[in-house]
Amino acid sequence: MNEYQKAVGVPTSELDLRGVICPYNFVKTKLKLETMKEGEVLSVLLDDGDPIRNVPRSVENEGHTVLTQERVDQAYRVLIRREESD
């Protein structure tokens, strides 16, 4: 991944978590982020309701950056940048 891709948030990985209930969607997101390098971007598809309310907040609490949240049909696409963990 080059610096431009990092800057604009081009996803290096994607998870489709539509139909996955809380807290499993956050757990799967967290586990995927742990396999990624700092600065890489994960695209996550989440359902409306609890998933879109809880997962972005939870990953920010873990120290990662939510770059965008956009509506896609009946779901949401959230782009999350992996930040360095302690």
N, C-alpha and C. Protein backbone atom coordinates (compact mmCIF):
# COMPACT_ATOMS: atom_id res chain seq x y z
N MET A 1 0.85 -1.19 0.00
CA MET A 1 0.00 0.00 0.00
C MET A 1 0.89 1.24 0.00
N ASN A 2 0.56 2.18 -0.86
CA ASN A 2 1.35 3.41 -0.91
C ASN A 2 0.76 4.48 0.01
N GLU A 3 1.47 5.60 0.12
CA GLU A 3 1.04 6.67 1.03
C GLU A 3 -0.30 7.27 0.61
N TYR A 4 -0.54 7.35 -0.70
CA TYR A 4 -1.82 7.89 -1.17
C TYR A 4 -2.98 7.03 -0.70
N GLN A 5 -2.85 5.71 -0.85
CA GLN A 5 -3.92 4.81 -0.41
C GLN A 5 -4.17 4.97 1.08
N LYS A 6 -3.10 5.09 1.87
CA LYS A 6 -3.26 5.28 3.32
C LYS A 6 -3.99 6.58 3.60
N ALA A 7 -3.64 7.64 2.87
CA ALA A 7 -4.22 8.96 3.11
C ALA A 7 -5.71 9.00 2.80
N VAL A 8 -6.11 8.35 1.71
CA VAL A 8 -7.52 8.43 1.31
C VAL A 8 -8.36 7.30 1.88
N GLY A 9 -7.72 6.34 2.52
CA GLY A 9 -8.49 5.28 3.15
C GLY A 9 -8.96 4.20 2.21
N VAL A 10 -8.11 3.81 1.25
CA VAL A 10 -8.45 2.70 0.35
C VAL A 10 -8.34 1.40 1.15
N PRO A 11 -9.42 0.62 1.20
CA PRO A 11 -9.39 -0.59 2.03
C PRO A 11 -8.38 -1.62 1.54
N THR A 12 -7.69 -2.24 2.49
CA THR A 12 -6.81 -3.35 2.17
C THR A 12 -7.50 -4.67 2.50
N SER A 13 -8.54 -4.63 3.31
CA SER A 13 -9.32 -5.82 3.67
C SER A 13 -10.78 -5.42 3.82
N GLU A 14 -11.66 -6.43 3.70
CA GLU A 14 -13.09 -6.16 3.86
C GLU A 14 -13.75 -7.29 4.64
N LEU A 15 -14.68 -6.91 5.50
CA LEU A 15 -15.51 -7.87 6.23
C LEU A 15 -16.96 -7.55 5.93
N ASP A 16 -17.73 -8.58 5.58
CA ASP A 16 -19.17 -8.42 5.40
C ASP A 16 -19.84 -9.02 6.63
N LEU A 17 -20.28 -8.15 7.54
CA LEU A 17 -20.87 -8.61 8.79
C LEU A 17 -22.37 -8.37 8.85
N ARG A 18 -22.99 -8.24 7.68
CA ARG A 18 -24.45 -8.11 7.66
C ARG A 18 -25.04 -9.41 8.18
N GLY A 19 -26.00 -9.29 9.06
CA GLY A 19 -26.64 -10.47 9.64
C GLY A 19 -25.93 -11.00 10.88
N VAL A 20 -24.80 -10.39 11.23
CA VAL A 20 -24.05 -10.81 12.43
C VAL A 20 -24.48 -9.92 13.59
N ILE A 21 -24.85 -10.53 14.70
CA ILE A 21 -25.38 -9.77 15.84
C ILE A 21 -24.27 -9.28 16.76
N CYS A 22 -24.59 -8.25 17.55
CA CYS A 22 -23.68 -7.76 18.58
C CYS A 22 -23.59 -8.81 19.68
N PRO A 23 -22.46 -9.03 20.30
CA PRO A 23 -21.18 -8.34 20.08
C PRO A 23 -20.29 -9.06 19.07
N TYR A 24 -20.79 -10.07 18.36
CA TYR A 24 -19.93 -10.84 17.47
C TYR A 24 -19.36 -10.01 16.33
N ASN A 25 -20.15 -9.03 15.85
CA ASN A 25 -19.63 -8.20 14.76
C ASN A 25 -18.43 -7.37 15.23
N PHE A 26 -18.46 -6.87 16.46
CA PHE A 26 -17.30 -6.14 16.98
C PHE A 26 -16.12 -7.08 17.20
N VAL A 27 -16.37 -8.26 17.75
CA VAL A 27 -15.29 -9.23 18.00
C VAL A 27 -14.60 -9.59 16.68
N LYS A 28 -15.38 -9.86 15.64
CA LYS A 28 -14.79 -10.21 14.35
C LYS A 28 -14.01 -9.03 13.77
N THR A 29 -14.52 -7.81 13.93
CA THR A 29 -13.82 -6.62 13.46
C THR A 29 -12.50 -6.46 14.21
N LYS A 30 -12.54 -6.59 15.53
CA LYS A 30 -11.34 -6.45 16.35
C LYS A 30 -10.29 -7.49 15.98
N LEU A 31 -10.70 -8.74 15.82
CA LEU A 31 -9.76 -9.80 15.47
C LEU A 31 -9.12 -9.54 14.10
N LYS A 32 -9.92 -9.06 13.14
CA LYS A 32 -9.37 -8.75 11.82
C LYS A 32 -8.36 -7.61 11.91
N LEU A 33 -8.69 -6.56 12.66
CA LEU A 33 -7.76 -5.43 12.82
C LEU A 33 -6.44 -5.88 13.43
N GLU A 34 -6.50 -6.85 14.34
CA GLU A 34 -5.28 -7.33 14.99
C GLU A 34 -4.34 -8.02 14.00
N THR A 35 -4.87 -8.51 12.87
CA THR A 35 -4.03 -9.19 11.87
C THR A 35 -3.44 -8.20 10.87
N MET A 36 -3.87 -6.94 10.93
CA MET A 36 -3.46 -5.95 9.94
C MET A 36 -2.30 -5.11 10.46
N LYS A 37 -1.60 -4.47 9.52
CA LYS A 37 -0.49 -3.59 9.87
C LYS A 37 -1.01 -2.18 10.16
N GLU A 38 -0.25 -1.45 10.95
CA GLU A 38 -0.62 -0.07 11.25
C GLU A 38 -0.78 0.72 9.95
N GLY A 39 -1.86 1.49 9.86
CA GLY A 39 -2.11 2.32 8.69
C GLY A 39 -2.98 1.65 7.64
N GLU A 40 -3.14 0.33 7.70
CA GLU A 40 -4.01 -0.34 6.75
C GLU A 40 -5.47 -0.02 7.07
N VAL A 41 -6.33 -0.14 6.06
CA VAL A 41 -7.74 0.24 6.21
C VAL A 41 -8.62 -0.98 6.00
N LEU A 42 -9.55 -1.16 6.94
CA LEU A 42 -10.53 -2.24 6.89
C LEU A 42 -11.89 -1.66 6.54
N SER A 43 -12.54 -2.27 5.54
CA SER A 43 -13.91 -1.92 5.19
C SER A 43 -14.83 -2.95 5.83
N VAL A 44 -15.81 -2.47 6.60
CA VAL A 44 -16.74 -3.38 7.28
C VAL A 44 -18.17 -3.02 6.86
N LEU A 45 -18.93 -4.03 6.45
CA LEU A 45 -20.34 -3.84 6.15
C LEU A 45 -21.15 -4.26 7.38
N LEU A 46 -21.97 -3.33 7.86
CA LEU A 46 -22.74 -3.54 9.09
C LEU A 46 -24.21 -3.25 8.85
N ASP A 47 -25.05 -3.93 9.61
CA ASP A 47 -26.49 -3.65 9.56
C ASP A 47 -26.81 -2.35 10.29
N ASP A 48 -27.99 -1.82 10.00
CA ASP A 48 -28.53 -0.66 10.70
C ASP A 48 -28.84 -1.06 12.14
N GLY A 49 -29.03 -0.07 13.01
CA GLY A 49 -29.39 -0.37 14.39
C GLY A 49 -28.17 -0.50 15.28
N ASP A 50 -28.20 -1.49 16.18
CA ASP A 50 -27.10 -1.67 17.13
C ASP A 50 -25.74 -1.80 16.48
N PRO A 51 -25.60 -2.59 15.39
CA PRO A 51 -24.26 -2.73 14.81
C PRO A 51 -23.62 -1.40 14.41
N ILE A 52 -24.36 -0.55 13.69
CA ILE A 52 -23.75 0.71 13.23
C ILE A 52 -23.58 1.68 14.39
N ARG A 53 -24.35 1.54 15.43
CA ARG A 53 -24.16 2.40 16.62
C ARG A 53 -22.98 1.94 17.46
N ASN A 54 -22.83 0.63 17.61
CA ASN A 54 -21.85 0.10 18.57
C ASN A 54 -20.45 -0.17 18.01
N VAL A 55 -20.36 -0.74 16.82
CA VAL A 55 -19.05 -1.15 16.31
C VAL A 55 -18.11 0.03 16.09
N PRO A 56 -18.53 1.12 15.40
CA PRO A 56 -17.59 2.23 15.23
C PRO A 56 -17.12 2.82 16.58
N ARG A 57 -18.02 2.96 17.51
CA ARG A 57 -17.64 3.49 18.84
C ARG A 57 -16.65 2.56 19.53
N SER A 58 -16.90 1.26 19.43
CA SER A 58 -16.03 0.28 20.08
C SER A 58 -14.64 0.26 19.48
N VAL A 59 -14.52 0.35 18.14
CA VAL A 59 -13.18 0.32 17.55
C VAL A 59 -12.43 1.61 17.87
N GLU A 60 -13.14 2.73 17.97
CA GLU A 60 -12.48 3.97 18.40
C GLU A 60 -12.00 3.86 19.84
N ASN A 61 -12.79 3.20 20.69
CA ASN A 61 -12.36 2.98 22.07
C ASN A 61 -11.11 2.11 22.13
N GLU A 62 -10.91 1.27 21.11
CA GLU A 62 -9.71 0.42 21.02
C GLU A 62 -8.52 1.19 20.47
N GLY A 63 -8.75 2.44 20.05
CA GLY A 63 -7.65 3.29 19.57
C GLY A 63 -7.50 3.38 18.06
N HIS A 64 -8.46 2.81 17.31
CA HIS A 64 -8.40 2.89 15.85
C HIS A 64 -9.20 4.09 15.37
N THR A 65 -9.07 4.43 14.08
CA THR A 65 -9.72 5.61 13.53
C THR A 65 -10.81 5.22 12.54
N VAL A 66 -12.04 5.70 12.79
CA VAL A 66 -13.13 5.51 11.84
C VAL A 66 -13.02 6.64 10.82
N LEU A 67 -12.73 6.28 9.57
CA LEU A 67 -12.53 7.28 8.51
C LEU A 67 -13.85 7.74 7.92
N THR A 68 -14.73 6.80 7.60
CA THR A 68 -16.02 7.15 7.01
C THR A 68 -17.08 6.13 7.41
N GLN A 69 -18.32 6.58 7.35
CA GLN A 69 -19.49 5.70 7.48
C GLN A 69 -20.45 6.13 6.39
N GLU A 70 -20.80 5.20 5.51
CA GLU A 70 -21.73 5.56 4.44
C GLU A 70 -22.80 4.48 4.28
N ARG A 71 -23.98 4.94 3.94
CA ARG A 71 -25.11 4.03 3.73
C ARG A 71 -24.91 3.31 2.39
N VAL A 72 -25.09 2.00 2.39
CA VAL A 72 -24.99 1.19 1.17
C VAL A 72 -26.19 0.25 1.18
N ASP A 73 -27.18 0.55 0.34
CA ASP A 73 -28.43 -0.22 0.31
C ASP A 73 -29.03 -0.27 1.72
N GLN A 74 -29.21 -1.46 2.27
CA GLN A 74 -29.82 -1.60 3.60
C GLN A 74 -28.77 -1.70 4.71
N ALA A 75 -27.51 -1.42 4.39
CA ALA A 75 -26.43 -1.57 5.37
C ALA A 75 -25.57 -0.31 5.39
N TYR A 76 -24.48 -0.38 6.13
CA TYR A 76 -23.50 0.71 6.19
C TYR A 76 -22.11 0.15 5.93
N ARG A 77 -21.30 0.94 5.20
CA ARG A 77 -19.89 0.60 5.02
C ARG A 77 -19.09 1.55 5.91
N VAL A 78 -18.28 0.97 6.77
CA VAL A 78 -17.44 1.74 7.68
C VAL A 78 -15.98 1.46 7.33
N LEU A 79 -15.21 2.52 7.11
CA LEU A 79 -13.78 2.37 6.86
C LEU A 79 -13.03 2.70 8.15
N ILE A 80 -12.19 1.75 8.57
CA ILE A 80 -11.46 1.87 9.84
C ILE A 80 -9.97 1.75 9.56
N ARG A 81 -9.20 2.74 10.03
CA ARG A 81 -7.75 2.67 9.88
C ARG A 81 -7.14 2.05 11.13
N ARG A 82 -6.32 1.04 10.91
CA ARG A 82 -5.62 0.34 12.00
C ARG A 82 -4.56 1.28 12.56
N GLU A 83 -4.62 1.53 13.85
CA GLU A 83 -3.63 2.37 14.52
C GLU A 83 -2.73 1.48 15.36
N GLU A 84 -1.59 2.01 15.71
CA GLU A 84 -0.64 1.24 16.53
C GLU A 84 -1.27 0.92 17.86
N SER A 85 -1.12 -0.31 18.30
CA SER A 85 -1.68 -0.70 19.60
C SER A 85 -0.56 -0.77 20.63
N ASP A 86 -0.94 -0.58 21.88
CA ASP A 86 0.07 -0.61 22.95
C ASP A 86 0.45 -2.02 23.30
